Protein backbone atom coordinates (compact mmCIF):
# COMPACT_ATOMS: atom_id res chain seq x y z
CA UNK A 1 10.82 6.31 2.08
CA UNK A 2 11.53 2.56 1.77
CA UNK A 3 13.65 1.52 -1.19
CA UNK A 4 13.12 -0.95 -4.07
CA UNK A 5 16.35 -2.94 -4.62
CA UNK A 6 17.25 -3.79 -8.22
CA UNK A 7 14.59 -1.48 -9.65
CA UNK A 8 15.77 1.74 -8.01
CA UNK A 9 19.36 0.70 -8.70
CA UNK A 10 18.42 1.55 -12.31
CA UNK A 11 16.40 4.74 -11.77
CA UNK A 12 17.55 8.27 -11.03
CA UNK A 13 14.77 8.93 -8.54
CA UNK A 14 12.42 6.82 -6.40
CA UNK A 15 9.39 5.14 -7.96
CA UNK A 16 6.38 7.28 -6.88
CA UNK A 17 3.90 5.78 -4.40
CA UNK A 18 0.74 4.62 -6.16
CA UNK A 19 2.68 3.09 -9.05
CA UNK A 20 1.93 -0.26 -10.69
CA UNK A 21 4.85 -2.12 -12.26
CA UNK A 22 4.50 -5.14 -14.54
CA UNK A 23 7.31 -7.70 -14.60
CA UNK A 24 7.34 -9.96 -17.66
CA UNK A 25 9.65 -12.90 -17.09
CA UNK A 26 10.97 -15.99 -18.83
CA UNK A 27 10.05 -19.14 -16.89
CA UNK A 28 13.74 -19.96 -16.28
CA UNK A 29 14.71 -16.42 -15.27
CA UNK A 30 15.55 -15.15 -11.78
CA UNK A 31 12.29 -13.26 -11.25
CA UNK A 32 11.08 -15.35 -8.31
CA UNK A 33 14.35 -14.91 -6.42
CA UNK A 34 14.41 -11.23 -7.39
CA UNK A 35 10.87 -10.75 -6.06
CA UNK A 36 11.97 -11.93 -2.61
CA UNK A 37 15.08 -9.74 -2.78
CA UNK A 38 12.95 -6.68 -3.56
CA UNK A 39 10.43 -7.40 -0.80
CA UNK A 40 13.15 -8.11 1.78
CA UNK A 41 15.05 -4.94 0.88
CA UNK A 42 11.87 -2.90 1.14
CA UNK A 43 11.19 -4.26 4.63
CA UNK A 44 14.79 -3.68 5.76
CA UNK A 45 14.52 -0.03 4.71
CA UNK A 46 11.45 0.51 6.88
CA UNK A 47 8.58 -0.60 4.66
CA UNK A 48 5.72 -3.08 4.93
CA UNK A 49 5.35 -5.83 2.31
CA UNK A 50 2.52 -8.11 1.22
CA UNK A 51 3.69 -11.06 -0.89
CA UNK A 52 1.11 -12.84 -3.05
CA UNK A 53 2.26 -16.45 -3.35
CA UNK A 54 0.47 -17.45 -6.54
CA UNK A 55 2.95 -19.79 -8.24
CA UNK A 56 4.40 -21.41 -5.11
CA UNK A 57 3.27 -22.57 -1.66
CA UNK A 58 3.35 -19.90 1.06
CA UNK A 59 5.84 -21.98 3.06
CA UNK A 60 8.28 -21.83 0.16
CA UNK A 61 7.99 -18.04 0.16
CA UNK A 62 8.48 -17.94 3.93
CA UNK A 63 11.58 -20.16 3.66
CA UNK A 64 13.18 -17.87 1.11
CA UNK A 65 12.57 -14.80 3.26
CA UNK A 66 14.31 -16.67 6.09
CA UNK A 67 17.25 -17.45 3.81
CA UNK A 68 17.53 -13.72 3.20
CA UNK A 69 17.86 -13.17 6.93
CA UNK A 70 14.35 -12.01 7.81
CA UNK A 71 12.74 -13.02 11.08
CA UNK A 72 9.46 -13.96 9.42
CA UNK A 73 7.70 -14.95 12.63
CA UNK A 74 8.27 -11.54 14.21
CA UNK A 75 7.59 -9.63 10.99
CA UNK A 76 4.32 -11.45 10.39
CA UNK A 77 3.25 -10.97 14.01
CA UNK A 78 3.97 -7.24 13.70
CA UNK A 79 2.16 -7.17 10.31
CA UNK A 80 5.28 -5.89 8.54
CA UNK A 81 5.22 -8.94 6.28
CA UNK A 82 2.07 -10.57 5.01
CA UNK A 83 2.16 -13.70 2.87
CA UNK A 84 -1.11 -14.14 1.00
CA UNK A 85 -1.82 -17.71 -0.09
CA UNK A 86 -3.28 -17.94 -3.60
CA UNK A 87 -1.67 -21.34 -4.17
CA UNK A 88 -3.57 -23.75 -1.92
CA UNK A 89 -6.95 -22.89 -3.43
CA UNK A 90 -5.62 -23.96 -6.83
CA UNK A 91 -5.16 -27.45 -5.40
CA UNK A 92 -8.78 -27.59 -4.22
CA UNK A 93 -7.71 -27.41 -0.59
CA UNK A 94 -8.43 -25.03 2.28
CA UNK A 95 -5.52 -22.82 3.29
CA UNK A 96 -4.28 -22.71 6.86
CA UNK A 97 -2.69 -19.30 6.31
CA UNK A 98 -3.94 -16.17 8.06
CA UNK A 99 -4.29 -14.47 4.68
CA UNK A 100 -5.61 -16.53 1.77
CA UNK A 101 -7.94 -16.25 -1.20
CA UNK A 102 -10.75 -18.79 -1.18
CA UNK A 103 -11.77 -18.15 -4.79
CA UNK A 104 -9.82 -17.53 -7.97
CA UNK A 105 -12.86 -16.47 -10.01
CA UNK A 106 -12.62 -12.84 -11.07
CA UNK A 107 -16.27 -12.21 -10.21
CA UNK A 108 -15.50 -13.02 -6.57
CA UNK A 109 -12.16 -11.22 -6.58
CA UNK A 110 -13.77 -8.14 -8.09
CA UNK A 111 -16.04 -7.80 -5.06
CA UNK A 112 -13.05 -8.10 -2.74
CA UNK A 113 -11.10 -5.43 -4.60
CA UNK A 114 -14.10 -3.12 -4.66
CA UNK A 115 -13.88 -3.08 -0.87
CA UNK A 116 -10.08 -2.85 -0.84
CA UNK A 117 -9.86 0.22 -3.07
CA UNK A 118 -12.56 2.30 -1.36
CA UNK A 119 -10.69 5.50 -0.32
CA UNK A 120 -10.63 5.77 3.45
CA UNK A 121 -8.26 6.53 6.27
CA UNK A 122 -8.34 2.99 7.60
CA UNK A 123 -9.15 -0.54 6.53
CA UNK A 124 -12.41 -0.70 4.56
CA UNK A 125 -13.43 -3.86 6.39
CA UNK A 126 -12.10 -6.02 9.24
CA UNK A 127 -9.13 -8.20 8.32
CA UNK A 128 -8.29 -6.25 5.18
CA UNK A 129 -5.54 -8.02 3.30
CA UNK A 130 -3.67 -4.95 2.09
CA UNK A 131 -2.66 -1.94 4.14
CA UNK A 132 -2.50 1.60 2.81
CA UNK A 133 0.27 4.15 2.57
CA UNK A 134 3.51 5.01 0.81
CA UNK A 135 5.43 2.52 2.98
CA UNK A 136 3.43 -0.44 1.61
CA UNK A 137 4.65 -2.73 -1.19
CA UNK A 138 2.56 -5.48 -2.78
CA UNK A 139 4.24 -8.13 -4.92
CA UNK A 140 2.40 -10.81 -6.92
CA UNK A 141 4.77 -13.51 -8.16
CA UNK A 142 2.67 -14.56 -11.20
CA UNK A 143 -0.72 -12.93 -11.72
CA UNK A 144 -1.41 -15.04 -14.80
CA UNK A 145 -2.22 -18.15 -12.76
CA UNK A 146 -5.73 -16.65 -12.69
CA UNK A 147 -6.06 -17.42 -16.39
CA UNK A 148 -6.28 -21.10 -15.52
CA UNK A 149 -9.66 -20.33 -13.96
CA UNK A 150 -10.97 -17.38 -16.03
CA UNK A 151 -11.27 -16.35 -19.67
CA UNK A 152 -8.94 -13.65 -20.99
CA UNK A 153 -11.47 -10.82 -21.40
CA UNK A 154 -12.91 -11.30 -17.91
CA UNK A 155 -9.41 -11.37 -16.44
CA UNK A 156 -8.32 -8.15 -18.20
CA UNK A 157 -11.53 -6.34 -17.23
CA UNK A 158 -11.00 -7.29 -13.59
CA UNK A 159 -7.30 -6.45 -13.67
CA UNK A 160 -7.72 -3.02 -15.30
CA UNK A 161 -10.74 -1.94 -13.26
CA UNK A 162 -9.83 -3.39 -9.85
CA UNK A 163 -6.14 -4.28 -9.45
CA UNK A 164 -4.60 -1.28 -11.24
CA UNK A 165 -6.80 1.43 -9.61
CA UNK A 166 -6.04 -0.02 -6.17
CA UNK A 167 -2.43 1.24 -6.13
CA UNK A 168 -3.15 5.00 -6.46
CA UNK A 169 -6.22 4.63 -4.22
CA UNK A 170 -4.03 3.21 -1.45
CA UNK A 171 -0.97 5.28 -2.44
CA UNK A 172 1.01 2.04 -2.30
CA UNK A 173 3.40 0.45 -4.78
CA UNK A 174 2.54 -2.83 -6.48
CA UNK A 175 4.71 -5.10 -8.62
CA UNK A 176 2.96 -7.81 -10.60
CA UNK A 177 4.69 -10.73 -12.30
CA UNK A 178 3.48 -12.25 -15.58
CA UNK A 179 5.19 -15.27 -17.11
CA UNK A 180 6.01 -14.69 -20.79
CA UNK A 181 5.06 -16.73 -23.82
CA UNK A 182 2.11 -18.61 -22.37
CA UNK A 183 -0.93 -16.48 -23.26
CA UNK A 184 -2.03 -14.28 -26.15
CA UNK A 185 -0.63 -10.87 -27.10
CA UNK A 186 -3.99 -9.45 -26.06
CA UNK A 187 -3.16 -10.26 -22.43
CA UNK A 188 0.35 -8.83 -22.41
CA UNK A 189 -0.45 -5.70 -24.43
CA UNK A 190 -3.51 -4.92 -22.32
CA UNK A 191 -1.50 -5.25 -19.12
CA UNK A 192 1.38 -3.19 -20.49
CA UNK A 193 -0.96 -0.35 -21.45
CA UNK A 194 -2.39 -0.18 -17.93
CA UNK A 195 0.78 0.04 -15.83
CA UNK A 196 3.30 2.76 -14.95
CA UNK A 197 6.38 0.66 -15.64
CA UNK A 198 7.48 -2.55 -17.38
CA UNK A 199 10.47 -4.68 -16.34
CA UNK A 200 11.85 -7.74 -18.13
CA UNK A 201 13.72 -10.75 -16.70
CA UNK A 202 15.27 -13.31 -19.01
CA UNK A 203 17.81 -16.11 -19.29
CA UNK A 204 20.25 -15.72 -22.18
CA UNK A 205 22.61 -18.37 -23.54
CA UNK A 206 25.80 -17.35 -25.34
CA UNK A 207 27.72 -20.42 -26.42
CA UNK A 208 28.61 -22.25 -23.22
CA UNK A 209 27.78 -19.25 -21.05
CA UNK A 210 24.39 -18.60 -19.46
CA UNK A 211 23.47 -15.12 -18.22
CA UNK A 212 20.61 -13.96 -16.03
CA UNK A 213 19.47 -10.50 -17.16
CA UNK A 214 16.99 -7.76 -16.30
CA UNK A 215 16.08 -4.37 -17.71
CA UNK A 216 13.58 -1.59 -17.23
CA UNK A 217 11.71 -1.42 -20.53
CA UNK A 218 9.64 1.63 -19.63
CA UNK A 219 8.80 3.81 -16.63
CA UNK A 220 6.46 6.78 -16.44
CA UNK A 221 7.61 9.92 -14.64
CA UNK A 222 10.95 8.37 -13.62
CA UNK A 223 14.29 8.66 -15.42
CA UNK A 224 15.82 5.21 -15.84
CA UNK A 225 18.56 3.10 -17.39
CA UNK A 226 16.95 0.93 -20.08
CA UNK A 227 20.00 -1.27 -20.83
CA UNK A 228 20.06 -4.99 -20.06
CA UNK A 229 21.99 -5.75 -16.85
CA UNK A 230 23.47 -9.05 -15.74
CA UNK A 231 22.40 -10.40 -12.39
CA UNK A 232 24.43 -12.06 -9.66
CA UNK A 233 22.88 -14.76 -7.48
CA UNK A 234 24.14 -15.14 -3.91
CA UNK A 235 24.45 -18.32 -1.88
CA UNK A 236 21.16 -17.38 -0.17
CA UNK A 237 19.58 -16.69 -3.60
CA UNK A 238 19.68 -12.92 -3.11
CA UNK A 239 19.72 -11.21 -6.51
CA UNK A 240 21.92 -8.18 -7.14
CA UNK A 241 23.19 -6.33 -10.19
CA UNK A 242 26.57 -7.63 -11.39
CA UNK A 243 28.33 -4.26 -11.40
């Protein structure tokens, strides 16, 4: 089985396929760099990763994967890495990426997910964005960008009835980022109740010292360390635990 860096450094057993993990992060935290570290580590250990670039251009995501030593051109050609562009549509432009969302309205996305989560042995339709299987990881850097285009209740209904059921239907692992402190408690509590695990990233200031921290707040069916852990940032922006 492929491995989840950072997360499985703090668990006693692997995260089961079909799990959904919510990452709540401070805007100034290391979540974005950590998300690339997790995806790159997953690929290196034999997995396939789809990265949803929601809060940044797809080229920025591709550049960071290259910094981490991945041959993105080969990986994307072999379909071991897929970068899904959610960003360009927000600018009112047409994406040039192979994989891109053309609408950010949950009514449209709901139809797409209905096709994606249909149980089958293969892709439910030609050009399916997400593959199936225990070797597949999906990361969304900040799912809450959709709230710029949708009301809260519509977003939560879509997220709980389409996004969350898709992970066990595909038997894949998905990790979804949500920036903290921007939207109502209704959003965060509803998302927390729907997932299998919750992880926090934050920036903490102690006098003149600044620390980047992460913790696993909760995890179903997996024993874990729930303490805060300091993070170390490499020259290539790889994120590791500061042991």
